[in-house]
Amino acid sequence: SPASGDAYEWFEQGYDVVRGVILNGIPKGTRPEEARVLHLGCGNSRLGEELYDDGVPNVMNLDYSSEVIAALAERHEWDRPEMGWVAMDAADLDSEEASGMAADSYDVLV
């Protein structure tokens, strides 16, 4: 279950392997603490929290499972307050209900 702490990581190599790719995606001139990251299909991955703890706090985590999003939002409410949580299908990002979620308002998409 998402609240139990058993995270599923789609990138089996671990955060240390994908870290450089993600951080290199931040545009030149943008400091990591100012970068906006959209984590699509986050599930209960620890990627968002690892980015946050690595100095990239503006991570918007999106997943179609409202149960997963609610559990993770509650778990990180106090220790990672800048992280955002949205329950929606990534395929709906262009819809009107997703206003403010446009991919071009983020520096890095994961």
PDB file of N, CA and C in Angstrom:
ATOM      1  N   SER A   1       0.837  -1.186   0.000  1.00  0.00           N
ATOM      2  CA  SER A   1       0.000   0.000   0.000  1.00  0.00           C
ATOM      3  C   SER A   1       0.878   1.243   0.000  1.00  0.00           C
ATOM      4  N   PRO A   2       0.381   2.361  -0.550  1.00  0.00           N
ATOM      5  CA  PRO A   2       1.198   3.554  -0.673  1.00  0.00           C
ATOM      6  C   PRO A   2       1.657   4.120   0.658  1.00  0.00           C
ATOM      7  N   ALA A   3       0.861   3.987   1.677  1.00  0.00           N
ATOM      8  CA  ALA A   3       1.217   4.561   2.971  1.00  0.00           C
ATOM      9  C   ALA A   3       2.208   3.690   3.729  1.00  0.00           C
ATOM     10  N   SER A   4       2.364   2.454   3.308  1.00  0.00           N
ATOM     11  CA  SER A   4       3.218   1.529   4.056  1.00  0.00           C
ATOM     12  C   SER A   4       4.700   1.804   3.862  1.00  0.00           C
ATOM     13  N   GLY A   5       5.037   2.583   2.841  1.00  0.00           N
ATOM     14  CA  GLY A   5       6.438   2.888   2.599  1.00  0.00           C
ATOM     15  C   GLY A   5       7.082   1.982   1.573  1.00  0.00           C
ATOM     16  N   ASP A   6       6.367   0.991   1.061  1.00  0.00           N
ATOM     17  CA  ASP A   6       6.903   0.111   0.031  1.00  0.00           C
ATOM     18  C   ASP A   6       6.743   0.790  -1.320  1.00  0.00           C
ATOM     19  N   ALA A   7       7.788   1.463  -1.756  1.00  0.00           N
ATOM     20  CA  ALA A   7       7.721   2.230  -2.998  1.00  0.00           C
ATOM     21  C   ALA A   7       8.023   1.337  -4.193  1.00  0.00           C
ATOM     22  N   TYR A   8       7.323   1.613  -5.282  1.00  0.00           N
ATOM     23  CA  TYR A   8       7.610   0.948  -6.549  1.00  0.00           C
ATOM     24  C   TYR A   8       8.381   1.948  -7.401  1.00  0.00           C
ATOM     25  N   GLU A   9       9.574   1.576  -7.836  1.00  0.00           N
ATOM     26  CA  GLU A   9      10.385   2.449  -8.664  1.00  0.00           C
ATOM     27  C   GLU A   9      10.441   1.903 -10.086  1.00  0.00           C
ATOM     28  N   TRP A  10       9.961   2.685 -11.035  1.00  0.00           N
ATOM     29  CA  TRP A  10       9.984   2.258 -12.435  1.00  0.00           C
ATOM     30  C   TRP A  10      11.397   2.281 -12.985  1.00  0.00           C
ATOM     31  N   PHE A  11      12.275   3.066 -12.374  1.00  0.00           N
ATOM     32  CA  PHE A  11      13.675   3.105 -12.786  1.00  0.00           C
ATOM     33  C   PHE A  11      14.451   2.252 -11.794  1.00  0.00           C
ATOM     34  N   GLU A  12      14.699   1.029 -12.148  1.00  0.00           N
ATOM     35  CA  GLU A  12      15.266   0.050 -11.228  1.00  0.00           C
ATOM     36  C   GLU A  12      16.670   0.391 -10.754  1.00  0.00           C
ATOM     37  N   GLN A  13      17.386   1.238 -11.480  1.00  0.00           N
ATOM     38  CA  GLN A  13      18.767   1.543 -11.120  1.00  0.00           C
ATOM     39  C   GLN A  13      18.865   2.419  -9.885  1.00  0.00           C
ATOM     40  N   GLY A  14      17.809   3.092  -9.522  1.00  0.00           N
ATOM     41  CA  GLY A  14      17.818   3.951  -8.349  1.00  0.00           C
ATOM     42  C   GLY A  14      18.026   5.415  -8.682  1.00  0.00           C
ATOM     43  N   TYR A  15      17.750   6.241  -7.712  1.00  0.00           N
ATOM     44  CA  TYR A  15      17.803   7.692  -7.883  1.00  0.00           C
ATOM     45  C   TYR A  15      19.179   8.185  -8.320  1.00  0.00           C
ATOM     46  N   ASP A  16      20.226   7.624  -7.761  1.00  0.00           N
ATOM     47  CA  ASP A  16      21.573   8.101  -8.089  1.00  0.00           C
ATOM     48  C   ASP A  16      21.869   8.023  -9.586  1.00  0.00           C
ATOM     49  N   VAL A  17      21.272   7.063 -10.271  1.00  0.00           N
ATOM     50  CA  VAL A  17      21.496   6.901 -11.707  1.00  0.00           C
ATOM     51  C   VAL A  17      20.714   7.942 -12.517  1.00  0.00           C
ATOM     52  N   VAL A  18      19.473   8.229 -12.140  1.00  0.00           N
ATOM     53  CA  VAL A  18      18.651   9.178 -12.908  1.00  0.00           C
ATOM     54  C   VAL A  18      18.826  10.622 -12.450  1.00  0.00           C
ATOM     55  N   ARG A  19      19.441  10.817 -11.305  1.00  0.00           N
ATOM     56  CA  ARG A  19      19.623  12.156 -10.732  1.00  0.00           C
ATOM     57  C   ARG A  19      20.258  13.120 -11.732  1.00  0.00           C
ATOM     58  N   GLY A  20      21.376  12.731 -12.322  1.00  0.00           N
ATOM     59  CA  GLY A  20      22.090  13.597 -13.251  1.00  0.00           C
ATOM     60  C   GLY A  20      21.259  13.966 -14.462  1.00  0.00           C
ATOM     61  N   VAL A  21      20.512  13.011 -14.981  1.00  0.00           N
ATOM     62  CA  VAL A  21      19.662  13.270 -16.148  1.00  0.00           C
ATOM     63  C   VAL A  21      18.608  14.319 -15.804  1.00  0.00           C
ATOM     64  N   ILE A  22      17.990  14.166 -14.649  1.00  0.00           N
ATOM     65  CA  ILE A  22      16.944  15.112 -14.234  1.00  0.00           C
ATOM     66  C   ILE A  22      17.537  16.490 -13.968  1.00  0.00           C
ATOM     67  N   LEU A  23      18.612  16.553 -13.193  1.00  0.00           N
ATOM     68  CA  LEU A  23      19.209  17.845 -12.859  1.00  0.00           C
ATOM     69  C   LEU A  23      19.778  18.534 -14.097  1.00  0.00           C
ATOM     70  N   ASN A  24      20.289  17.764 -15.049  1.00  0.00           N
ATOM     71  CA  ASN A  24      20.785  18.357 -16.293  1.00  0.00           C
ATOM     72  C   ASN A  24      19.651  18.904 -17.153  1.00  0.00           C
ATOM     73  N   GLY A  25      18.424  18.481 -16.880  1.00  0.00           N
ATOM     74  CA  GLY A  25      17.270  18.988 -17.609  1.00  0.00           C
ATOM     75  C   GLY A  25      16.817  20.363 -17.151  1.00  0.00           C
ATOM     76  N   ILE A  26      17.324  20.803 -16.007  1.00  0.00           N
ATOM     77  CA  ILE A  26      16.976  22.135 -15.515  1.00  0.00           C
ATOM     78  C   ILE A  26      17.652  23.165 -16.411  1.00  0.00           C
ATOM     79  N   PRO A  27      16.886  24.115 -16.943  1.00  0.00           N
ATOM     80  CA  PRO A  27      17.460  25.094 -17.867  1.00  0.00           C
ATOM     81  C   PRO A  27      18.610  25.886 -17.244  1.00  0.00           C
ATOM     82  N   LYS A  28      19.595  26.214 -18.075  1.00  0.00           N
ATOM     83  CA  LYS A  28      20.718  27.047 -17.607  1.00  0.00           C
ATOM     84  C   LYS A  28      20.150  28.349 -17.061  1.00  0.00           C
ATOM     85  N   GLY A  29      20.713  28.775 -15.950  1.00  0.00           N
ATOM     86  CA  GLY A  29      20.261  30.012 -15.326  1.00  0.00           C
ATOM     87  C   GLY A  29      19.163  29.809 -14.297  1.00  0.00           C
ATOM     88  N   THR A  30      18.622  28.610 -14.220  1.00  0.00           N
ATOM     89  CA  THR A  30      17.604  28.304 -13.224  1.00  0.00           C
ATOM     90  C   THR A  30      18.256  27.515 -12.100  1.00  0.00           C
ATOM     91  N   ARG A  31      18.171  28.033 -10.908  1.00  0.00           N
ATOM     92  CA  ARG A  31      18.753  27.323  -9.761  1.00  0.00           C
ATOM     93  C   ARG A  31      17.859  26.135  -9.415  1.00  0.00           C
ATOM     94  N   PRO A  32      18.438  25.015  -8.957  1.00  0.00           N
ATOM     95  CA  PRO A  32      17.641  23.833  -8.617  1.00  0.00           C
ATOM     96  C   PRO A  32      16.484  24.130  -7.660  1.00  0.00           C
ATOM     97  N   GLU A  33      16.711  25.003  -6.697  1.00  0.00           N
ATOM     98  CA  GLU A  33      15.643  25.299  -5.737  1.00  0.00           C
ATOM     99  C   GLU A  33      14.506  26.118  -6.349  1.00  0.00           C
ATOM    100  N   GLU A  34      14.719  26.637  -7.568  1.00  0.00           N
ATOM    101  CA  GLU A  34      13.670  27.383  -8.264  1.00  0.00           C
ATOM    102  C   GLU A  34      13.033  26.577  -9.396  1.00  0.00           C
ATOM    103  N   ALA A  35      13.651  25.475  -9.766  1.00  0.00           N
ATOM    104  CA  ALA A  35      13.150  24.666 -10.884  1.00  0.00           C
ATOM    105  C   ALA A  35      11.801  24.043 -10.537  1.00  0.00           C
ATOM    106  N   ARG A  36      10.949  23.930 -11.544  1.00  0.00           N
ATOM    107  CA  ARG A  36       9.634  23.298 -11.380  1.00  0.00           C
ATOM    108  C   ARG A  36       9.657  21.965 -12.116  1.00  0.00           C
ATOM    109  N   VAL A  37       9.407  20.893 -11.373  1.00  0.00           N
ATOM    110  CA  VAL A  37       9.449  19.539 -11.926  1.00  0.00           C
ATOM    111  C   VAL A  37       8.039  18.948 -11.897  1.00  0.00           C
ATOM    112  N   LEU A  38       7.618  18.382 -13.006  1.00  0.00           N
ATOM    113  CA  LEU A  38       6.347  17.670 -13.079  1.00  0.00           C
ATOM    114  C   LEU A  38       6.655  16.190 -13.176  1.00  0.00           C
ATOM    115  N   HIS A  39       6.276  15.450 -12.144  1.00  0.00           N
ATOM    116  CA  HIS A  39       6.522  14.005 -12.079  1.00  0.00           C
ATOM    117  C   HIS A  39       5.233  13.291 -12.484  1.00  0.00           C
ATOM    118  N   LEU A  40       5.183  12.884 -13.736  1.00  0.00           N
ATOM    119  CA  LEU A  40       3.991  12.247 -14.308  1.00  0.00           C
ATOM    120  C   LEU A  40       3.921  10.775 -13.921  1.00  0.00           C
ATOM    121  N   GLY A  41       2.754  10.311 -13.523  1.00  0.00           N
ATOM    122  CA  GLY A  41       2.587   8.907 -13.156  1.00  0.00           C
ATOM    123  C   GLY A  41       3.467   8.536 -11.980  1.00  0.00           C
ATOM    124  N   CYS A  42       3.471   9.377 -10.962  1.00  0.00           N
ATOM    125  CA  CYS A  42       4.402   9.204  -9.848  1.00  0.00           C
ATOM    126  C   CYS A  42       4.169   7.930  -9.041  1.00  0.00           C
ATOM    127  N   GLY A  43       2.930   7.435  -9.011  1.00  0.00           N
ATOM    128  CA  GLY A  43       2.672   6.264  -8.166  1.00  0.00           C
ATOM    129  C   GLY A  43       3.208   6.531  -6.779  1.00  0.00           C
ATOM    130  N   ASN A  44       3.725   5.507  -6.140  1.00  0.00           N
ATOM    131  CA  ASN A  44       4.284   5.720  -4.800  1.00  0.00           C
ATOM    132  C   ASN A  44       5.814   5.735  -4.829  1.00  0.00           C
ATOM    133  N   SER A  45       6.361   6.118  -5.975  1.00  0.00           N
ATOM    134  CA  SER A  45       7.810   6.244  -6.130  1.00  0.00           C
ATOM    135  C   SER A  45       8.369   7.268  -5.143  1.00  0.00           C
ATOM    136  N   ARG A  46       9.608   7.096  -4.766  1.00  0.00           N
ATOM    137  CA  ARG A  46      10.285   8.037  -3.879  1.00  0.00           C
ATOM    138  C   ARG A  46      11.035   9.126  -4.659  1.00  0.00           C
ATOM    139  N   LEU A  47      10.898   9.133  -5.960  1.00  0.00           N
ATOM    140  CA  LEU A  47      11.624  10.096  -6.782  1.00  0.00           C
ATOM    141  C   LEU A  47      11.364  11.535  -6.349  1.00  0.00           C
ATOM    142  N   GLY A  48      10.110  11.904  -6.142  1.00  0.00           N
ATOM    143  CA  GLY A  48       9.784  13.271  -5.738  1.00  0.00           C
ATOM    144  C   GLY A  48      10.440  13.654  -4.431  1.00  0.00           C
ATOM    145  N   GLU A  49      10.373  12.768  -3.448  1.00  0.00           N
ATOM    146  CA  GLU A  49      10.987  13.093  -2.151  1.00  0.00           C
ATOM    147  C   GLU A  49      12.507  13.136  -2.264  1.00  0.00           C
ATOM    148  N   GLU A  50      13.083  12.302  -3.104  1.00  0.00           N
ATOM    149  CA  GLU A  50      14.538  12.325  -3.281  1.00  0.00           C
ATOM    150  C   GLU A  50      14.978  13.622  -3.966  1.00  0.00           C
ATOM    151  N   LEU A  51      14.210  14.083  -4.953  1.00  0.00           N
ATOM    152  CA  LEU A  51      14.509  15.367  -5.579  1.00  0.00           C
ATOM    153  C   LEU A  51      14.393  16.492  -4.552  1.00  0.00           C
ATOM    154  N   TYR A  52      13.336  16.456  -3.771  1.00  0.00           N
ATOM    155  CA  TYR A  52      13.112  17.466  -2.740  1.00  0.00           C
ATOM    156  C   TYR A  52      14.302  17.507  -1.780  1.00  0.00           C
ATOM    157  N   ASP A  53      14.684  16.356  -1.283  1.00  0.00           N
ATOM    158  CA  ASP A  53      15.789  16.276  -0.330  1.00  0.00           C
ATOM    159  C   ASP A  53      17.126  16.641  -0.968  1.00  0.00           C
ATOM    160  N   ASP A  54      17.167  16.622  -2.302  1.00  0.00           N
ATOM    161  CA  ASP A  54      18.381  16.944  -3.046  1.00  0.00           C
ATOM    162  C   ASP A  54      18.408  18.429  -3.457  1.00  0.00           C
ATOM    163  N   GLY A  55      17.465  19.212  -2.946  1.00  0.00           N
ATOM    164  CA  GLY A  55      17.470  20.645  -3.211  1.00  0.00           C
ATOM    165  C   GLY A  55      16.562  21.108  -4.329  1.00  0.00           C
ATOM    166  N   VAL A  56      15.644  20.253  -4.769  1.00  0.00           N
ATOM    167  CA  VAL A  56      14.675  20.614  -5.806  1.00  0.00           C
ATOM    168  C   VAL A  56      13.276  20.448  -5.198  1.00  0.00           C
ATOM    169  N   PRO A  57      12.815  21.453  -4.437  1.00  0.00           N
ATOM    170  CA  PRO A  57      11.576  21.285  -3.679  1.00  0.00           C
ATOM    171  C   PRO A  57      10.275  21.431  -4.464  1.00  0.00           C
ATOM    172  N   ASN A  58      10.329  22.090  -5.625  1.00  0.00           N
ATOM    173  CA  ASN A  58       9.097  22.363  -6.375  1.00  0.00           C
ATOM    174  C   ASN A  58       8.756  21.223  -7.315  1.00  0.00           C
ATOM    175  N   VAL A  59       8.326  20.112  -6.727  1.00  0.00           N
ATOM    176  CA  VAL A  59       7.976  18.924  -7.491  1.00  0.00           C
ATOM    177  C   VAL A  59       6.462  18.737  -7.419  1.00  0.00           C
ATOM    178  N   MET A  60       5.819  18.695  -8.581  1.00  0.00           N
ATOM    179  CA  MET A  60       4.395  18.399  -8.656  1.00  0.00           C
ATOM    180  C   MET A  60       4.263  16.935  -9.054  1.00  0.00           C
ATOM    181  N   ASN A  61       3.707  16.140  -8.162  1.00  0.00           N
ATOM    182  CA  ASN A  61       3.539  14.705  -8.383  1.00  0.00           C
ATOM    183  C   ASN A  61       2.126  14.446  -8.871  1.00  0.00           C
ATOM    184  N   LEU A  62       2.004  13.787 -10.004  1.00  0.00           N
ATOM    185  CA  LEU A  62       0.706  13.554 -10.621  1.00  0.00           C
ATOM    186  C   LEU A  62       0.509  12.062 -10.857  1.00  0.00           C
ATOM    187  N   ASP A  63      -0.658  11.565 -10.478  1.00  0.00           N
ATOM    188  CA  ASP A  63      -0.987  10.162 -10.723  1.00  0.00           C
ATOM    189  C   ASP A  63      -2.498  10.033 -10.822  1.00  0.00           C
ATOM    190  N   TYR A  64      -2.967   9.058 -11.560  1.00  0.00           N
ATOM    191  CA  TYR A  64      -4.411   8.865 -11.712  1.00  0.00           C
ATOM    192  C   TYR A  64      -5.055   8.266 -10.472  1.00  0.00           C
ATOM    193  N   SER A  65      -4.272   7.703  -9.564  1.00  0.00           N
ATOM    194  CA  SER A  65      -4.825   7.078  -8.358  1.00  0.00           C
ATOM    195  C   SER A  65      -4.990   8.099  -7.239  1.00  0.00           C
ATOM    196  N   SER A  66      -6.232   8.464  -6.965  1.00  0.00           N
ATOM    197  CA  SER A  66      -6.482   9.429  -5.888  1.00  0.00           C
ATOM    198  C   SER A  66      -6.092   8.848  -4.531  1.00  0.00           C
ATOM    199  N   GLU A  67      -6.162   7.541  -4.387  1.00  0.00           N
ATOM    200  CA  GLU A  67      -5.767   6.896  -3.128  1.00  0.00           C
ATOM    201  C   GLU A  67      -4.274   7.076  -2.875  1.00  0.00           C
ATOM    202  N   VAL A  68      -3.470   6.835  -3.893  1.00  0.00           N
ATOM    203  CA  VAL A  68      -2.015   6.993  -3.762  1.00  0.00           C
ATOM    204  C   VAL A  68      -1.672   8.455  -3.486  1.00  0.00           C
ATOM    205  N   ILE A  69      -2.261   9.366  -4.245  1.00  0.00           N
ATOM    206  CA  ILE A  69      -1.981  10.794  -4.075  1.00  0.00           C
ATOM    207  C   ILE A  69      -2.358  11.252  -2.669  1.00  0.00           C
ATOM    208  N   ALA A  70      -3.524  10.848  -2.186  1.00  0.00           N
ATOM    209  CA  ALA A  70      -3.952  11.253  -0.834  1.00  0.00           C
ATOM    210  C   ALA A  70      -2.998  10.734   0.239  1.00  0.00           C
ATOM    211  N   ALA A  71      -2.586   9.486   0.107  1.00  0.00           N
ATOM    212  CA  ALA A  71      -1.677   8.897   1.098  1.00  0.00           C
ATOM    213  C   ALA A  71      -0.330   9.601   1.103  1.00  0.00           C
ATOM    214  N   LEU A  72       0.212   9.880  -0.081  1.00  0.00           N
ATOM    215  CA  LEU A  72       1.521  10.531  -0.159  1.00  0.00           C
ATOM    216  C   LEU A  72       1.448  11.994   0.266  1.00  0.00           C
ATOM    217  N   ALA A  73       0.379  12.677  -0.083  1.00  0.00           N
ATOM    218  CA  ALA A  73       0.218  14.074   0.336  1.00  0.00           C
ATOM    219  C   ALA A  73       0.182  14.158   1.861  1.00  0.00           C
ATOM    220  N   GLU A  74      -0.510  13.229   2.472  1.00  0.00           N
ATOM    221  CA  GLU A  74      -0.575  13.208   3.939  1.00  0.00           C
ATOM    222  C   GLU A  74       0.792  12.899   4.542  1.00  0.00           C
ATOM    223  N   ARG A  75       1.502  11.940   3.956  1.00  0.00           N
ATOM    224  CA  ARG A  75       2.801  11.533   4.482  1.00  0.00           C
ATOM    225  C   ARG A  75       3.828  12.669   4.404  1.00  0.00           C
ATOM    226  N   HIS A  76       3.747  13.498   3.361  1.00  0.00           N
ATOM    227  CA  HIS A  76       4.752  14.534   3.151  1.00  0.00           C
ATOM    228  C   HIS A  76       4.281  15.944   3.515  1.00  0.00           C
ATOM    229  N   GLU A  77       3.099  16.062   4.070  1.00  0.00           N
ATOM    230  CA  GLU A  77       2.487  17.363   4.355  1.00  0.00           C
ATOM    231  C   GLU A  77       3.397  18.283   5.169  1.00  0.00           C
ATOM    232  N   TRP A  78       4.043  17.756   6.175  1.00  0.00           N
ATOM    233  CA  TRP A  78       4.824  18.600   7.087  1.00  0.00           C
ATOM    234  C   TRP A  78       6.309  18.638   6.748  1.00  0.00           C
ATOM    235  N   ASP A  79       6.861  17.536   6.280  1.00  0.00           N
ATOM    236  CA  ASP A  79       8.305  17.512   6.054  1.00  0.00           C
ATOM    237  C   ASP A  79       8.709  17.970   4.652  1.00  0.00           C
ATOM    238  N   ARG A  80       7.770  18.004   3.709  1.00  0.00           N
ATOM    239  CA  ARG A  80       8.082  18.454   2.344  1.00  0.00           C
ATOM    240  C   ARG A  80       6.915  19.305   1.830  1.00  0.00           C
ATOM    241  N   PRO A  81       6.701  20.462   2.476  1.00  0.00           N
ATOM    242  CA  PRO A  81       5.491  21.248   2.191  1.00  0.00           C
ATOM    243  C   PRO A  81       5.416  21.850   0.791  1.00  0.00           C
ATOM    244  N   GLU A  82       6.545  22.056   0.117  1.00  0.00           N
ATOM    245  CA  GLU A  82       6.488  22.648  -1.224  1.00  0.00           C
ATOM    246  C   GLU A  82       6.081  21.652  -2.301  1.00  0.00           C
ATOM    247  N   MET A  83       6.143  20.358  -1.992  1.00  0.00           N
ATOM    248  CA  MET A  83       5.750  19.359  -2.996  1.00  0.00           C
ATOM    249  C   MET A  83       4.247  19.421  -3.199  1.00  0.00           C
ATOM    250  N   GLY A  84       3.835  19.224  -4.454  1.00  0.00           N
ATOM    251  CA  GLY A  84       2.419  19.240  -4.780  1.00  0.00           C
ATOM    252  C   GLY A  84       1.937  17.860  -5.187  1.00  0.00           C
ATOM    253  N   TRP A  85       0.633  17.659  -5.063  1.00  0.00           N
ATOM    254  CA  TRP A  85       0.032  16.351  -5.337  1.00  0.00           C
ATOM    255  C   TRP A  85      -1.269  16.543  -6.092  1.00  0.00           C
ATOM    256  N   VAL A  86      -1.386  15.900  -7.253  1.00  0.00           N
ATOM    257  CA  VAL A  86      -2.589  16.020  -8.071  1.00  0.00           C
ATOM    258  C   VAL A  86      -3.021  14.634  -8.534  1.00  0.00           C
ATOM    259  N   ALA A  87      -4.294  14.349  -8.308  1.00  0.00           N
ATOM    260  CA  ALA A  87      -4.867  13.088  -8.791  1.00  0.00           C
ATOM    261  C   ALA A  87      -5.569  13.369 -10.113  1.00  0.00           C
ATOM    262  N   MET A  88      -4.941  12.941 -11.195  1.00  0.00           N
ATOM    263  CA  MET A  88      -5.545  13.056 -12.518  1.00  0.00           C
ATOM    264  C   MET A  88      -4.755  12.214 -13.505  1.00  0.00           C
ATOM    265  N   ASP A  89      -5.370  11.945 -14.624  1.00  0.00           N
ATOM    266  CA  ASP A  89      -4.713  11.190 -15.693  1.00  0.00           C
ATOM    267  C   ASP A  89      -3.834  12.154 -16.486  1.00  0.00           C
ATOM    268  N   ALA A  90      -2.595  11.788 -16.704  1.00  0.00           N
ATOM    269  CA  ALA A  90      -1.674  12.647 -17.455  1.00  0.00           C
ATOM    270  C   ALA A  90      -2.201  12.952 -18.852  1.00  0.00           C
ATOM    271  N   ALA A  91      -3.018  12.078 -19.400  1.00  0.00           N
ATOM    272  CA  ALA A  91      -3.592  12.309 -20.724  1.00  0.00           C
ATOM    273  C   ALA A  91      -4.544  13.505 -20.726  1.00  0.00           C
ATOM    274  N   ASP A  92      -4.973  13.946 -19.542  1.00  0.00           N
ATOM    275  CA  ASP A  92      -5.907  15.067 -19.435  1.00  0.00           C
ATOM    276  C   ASP A  92      -5.221  16.404 -19.186  1.00  0.00           C
ATOM    277  N   LEU A  93      -3.905  16.455 -19.322  1.00  0.00           N
ATOM    278  CA  LEU A  93      -3.185  17.703 -19.034  1.00  0.00           C
ATOM    279  C   LEU A  93      -3.626  18.862 -19.924  1.00  0.00           C
ATOM    280  N   ASP A  94      -4.127  18.573 -21.101  1.00  0.00           N
ATOM    281  CA  ASP A  94      -4.575  19.635 -21.998  1.00  0.00           C
ATOM    282  C   ASP A  94      -6.016  20.062 -21.735  1.00  0.00           C
ATOM    283  N   SER A  95      -6.695  19.394 -20.824  1.00  0.00           N
ATOM    284  CA  SER A  95      -8.099  19.698 -20.568  1.00  0.00           C
ATOM    285  C   SER A  95      -8.234  20.991 -19.760  1.00  0.00           C
ATOM    286  N   GLU A  96      -9.439  21.533 -19.772  1.00  0.00           N
ATOM    287  CA  GLU A  96      -9.677  22.767 -19.045  1.00  0.00           C
ATOM    288  C   GLU A  96      -9.533  22.581 -17.536  1.00  0.00           C
ATOM    289  N   GLU A  97      -9.892  21.418 -17.033  1.00  0.00           N
ATOM    290  CA  GLU A  97      -9.795  21.174 -15.593  1.00  0.00           C
ATOM    291  C   GLU A  97      -8.345  21.136 -15.113  1.00  0.00           C
ATOM    292  N   ALA A  98      -7.415  21.032 -16.040  1.00  0.00           N
ATOM    293  CA  ALA A  98      -5.995  20.977 -15.680  1.00  0.00           C
ATOM    294  C   ALA A  98      -5.324  22.335 -15.817  1.00  0.00           C
ATOM    295  N   SER A  99      -6.120  23.402 -15.806  1.00  0.00           N
ATOM    296  CA  SER A  99      -5.522  24.721 -15.994  1.00  0.00           C
ATOM    297  C   SER A  99      -4.435  24.954 -14.952  1.00  0.00           C
ATOM    298  N   GLY A 100      -3.322  25.484 -15.401  1.00  0.00           N
ATOM    299  CA  GLY A 100      -2.180  25.681 -14.523  1.00  0.00           C
ATOM    300  C   GLY A 100      -1.245  24.490 -14.481  1.00  0.00           C
ATOM    301  N   MET A 101      -1.642  23.390 -15.104  1.00  0.00           N
ATOM    302  CA  MET A 101      -0.827  22.174 -15.108  1.00  0.00           C
ATOM    303  C   MET A 101      -0.143  21.966 -16.459  1.00  0.00           C
ATOM    304  N   ALA A 102      -0.202  22.941 -17.334  1.00  0.00           N
ATOM    305  CA  ALA A 102       0.380  22.783 -18.665  1.00  0.00           C
ATOM    306  C   ALA A 102       1.853  22.413 -18.572  1.00  0.00           C
ATOM    307  N   ALA A 103       2.242  21.463 -19.400  1.00  0.00           N
ATOM    308  CA  ALA A 103       3.625  20.978 -19.373  1.00  0.00           C
ATOM    309  C   ALA A 103       4.624  22.107 -19.593  1.00  0.00           C
ATOM    310  N   ASP A 104       4.249  23.137 -20.354  1.00  0.00           N
ATOM    311  CA  ASP A 104       5.209  24.209 -20.613  1.00  0.00           C
ATOM    312  C   ASP A 104       5.387  25.157 -19.431  1.00  0.00           C
ATOM    313  N   SER A 105       4.671  24.910 -18.333  1.00  0.00           N
ATOM    314  CA  SER A 105       4.891  25.722 -17.134  1.00  0.00           C
ATOM    315  C   SER A 105       5.877  25.050 -16.181  1.00  0.00           C
ATOM    316  N   TYR A 106       6.482  23.963 -16.635  1.00  0.00           N
ATOM    317  CA  TYR A 106       7.471  23.227 -15.846  1.00  0.00           C
ATOM    318  C   TYR A 106       8.816  23.237 -16.559  1.00  0.00           C
ATOM    319  N   ASP A 107       9.872  23.158 -15.775  1.00  0.00           N
ATOM    320  CA  ASP A 107      11.213  23.133 -16.337  1.00  0.00           C
ATOM    321  C   ASP A 107      11.635  21.726 -16.751  1.00  0.00           C
ATOM    322  N   VAL A 108      11.173  20.733 -15.988  1.00  0.00           N
ATOM    323  CA  VAL A 108      11.557  19.335 -16.235  1.00  0.00           C
ATOM    324  C   VAL A 108      10.315  18.467 -16.106  1.00  0.00           C
ATOM    325  N   LEU A 109      10.125  17.564 -17.061  1.00  0.00           N
ATOM    326  CA  LEU A 109       9.062  16.569 -16.992  1.00  0.00           C
ATOM    327  C   LEU A 109       9.703  15.208 -16.806  1.00  0.00           C
ATOM    328  N   VAL A 110       9.212  14.460 -15.824  1.00  0.00           N
ATOM    329  CA  VAL A 110       9.737  13.126 -15.565  1.00  0.00           C
ATOM    330  C   VAL A 110       8.599  12.144 -15.722  1.00  0.00           C
TER     331      VAL A 110
END
